[in-house]
C-alpha cells in the first residue's frame, strides 16, 4: 500500500502539522481508512447506528490518535 502524501492527509483532516502527518503515515492508513476515521469523529451519531460495522483495527488506531490530539488541543482551537 502506498503512503499517503501530505496533501492527501490534509485534504481529509484540514490543517495538520508535521507530527500528525507523520503519525498517520506510521499507522499506514489508506485514504479511505483516514476518511472513515474522520467520519467516525465528526458525526453526531456513530456510523454503527446507520448499520455500518465497527471500525477496523487500523481505523481504530487512527480514531484513537485523532481523539488524543483533539484532547490535547488548546481551548478554542478548531483544527
Protein backbone atom coordinates (compact mmCIF):
# COMPACT_ATOMS: atom_id res chain seq x y z
CA UNK A 1 0.00 0.00 0.00
CA UNK A 2 1.37 3.42 -0.95
CA UNK A 3 1.88 6.01 1.76
CA UNK A 4 -0.46 8.96 1.53
CA UNK A 5 1.05 12.31 0.65
CA UNK A 6 0.85 15.28 2.98
CA UNK A 7 -1.64 16.88 0.59
CA UNK A 8 -3.91 13.81 0.72
CA UNK A 9 -3.85 13.76 4.52
CA UNK A 10 -4.59 17.49 4.71
CA UNK A 11 -7.42 17.11 2.18
CA UNK A 12 -9.16 14.89 4.74
CA UNK A 13 -8.13 16.41 8.06
CA UNK A 14 -7.75 20.03 7.12
CA UNK A 15 -4.78 21.76 8.69
CA UNK A 16 -2.34 19.18 10.09
CA UNK A 17 1.16 19.68 11.41
CA UNK A 18 4.19 17.54 10.53
CA UNK A 19 3.77 15.32 13.61
CA UNK A 20 0.17 14.48 12.72
CA UNK A 21 1.09 13.71 9.11
CA UNK A 22 3.99 11.53 10.27
CA UNK A 23 1.81 9.56 12.68
CA UNK A 24 -0.90 8.93 10.09
CA UNK A 25 1.80 7.66 7.75
CA UNK A 26 3.29 5.49 10.53
CA UNK A 27 -0.10 3.91 11.19
CA UNK A 28 -0.28 3.17 7.48
CA UNK A 29 -3.86 4.30 6.98
CA UNK A 30 -5.17 4.48 3.44
CA UNK A 31 -7.13 7.43 2.12
CA UNK A 32 -10.37 5.52 2.72
CA UNK A 33 -9.35 4.50 6.27
CA UNK A 34 -8.42 8.06 7.24
CA UNK A 35 -11.68 9.36 5.79
CA UNK A 36 -13.62 6.69 7.72
CA UNK A 37 -11.84 7.60 10.97
CA UNK A 38 -12.60 11.29 10.45
CA UNK A 39 -16.22 10.39 9.70
CA UNK A 40 -16.49 8.49 13.00
CA UNK A 41 -15.17 11.53 14.86
CA UNK A 42 -17.26 14.26 13.26
CA UNK A 43 -20.64 12.52 13.19
CA UNK A 44 -23.07 13.28 15.98
CA UNK A 45 -24.14 9.64 15.88
CA UNK A 46 -21.75 6.76 15.46
CA UNK A 47 -21.83 5.24 11.96
CA UNK A 48 -22.74 1.90 13.54
CA UNK A 49 -26.15 3.46 14.27
CA UNK A 50 -26.50 3.63 10.49
CA UNK A 51 -25.84 -0.10 10.26
CA UNK A 52 -22.13 0.25 9.48
CA UNK A 53 -19.71 -2.20 11.10
CA UNK A 54 -17.28 -1.21 13.83
CA UNK A 55 -14.06 0.41 12.66
CA UNK A 56 -11.19 -1.86 11.60
CA UNK A 57 -8.14 -2.04 13.82
CA UNK A 58 -6.16 0.46 11.68
CA UNK A 59 -9.13 2.84 11.54
CA UNK A 60 -9.49 2.39 15.29
CA UNK A 61 -5.84 3.37 15.80
CA UNK A 62 -6.35 6.49 13.69
CA UNK A 63 -9.50 7.36 15.67
CA UNK A 64 -7.64 6.96 18.97
CA UNK A 65 -4.77 9.13 17.73
CA UNK A 66 -7.07 11.88 16.43
CA UNK A 67 -9.07 11.85 19.67
CA UNK A 68 -5.83 12.17 21.62
CA UNK A 69 -4.64 15.20 19.67
CA UNK A 70 -8.08 16.82 19.91
CA UNK A 71 -7.97 16.41 23.70
CA UNK A 72 -4.51 17.99 23.78
CA UNK A 73 -5.55 20.95 21.58
CA UNK A 74 -5.80 24.30 23.35
CA UNK A 75 -9.35 25.51 24.06
CA UNK A 76 -10.85 27.36 21.13
CA UNK A 77 -8.60 25.72 18.56
CA UNK A 78 -10.63 24.37 15.64
CA UNK A 79 -8.25 22.08 13.77
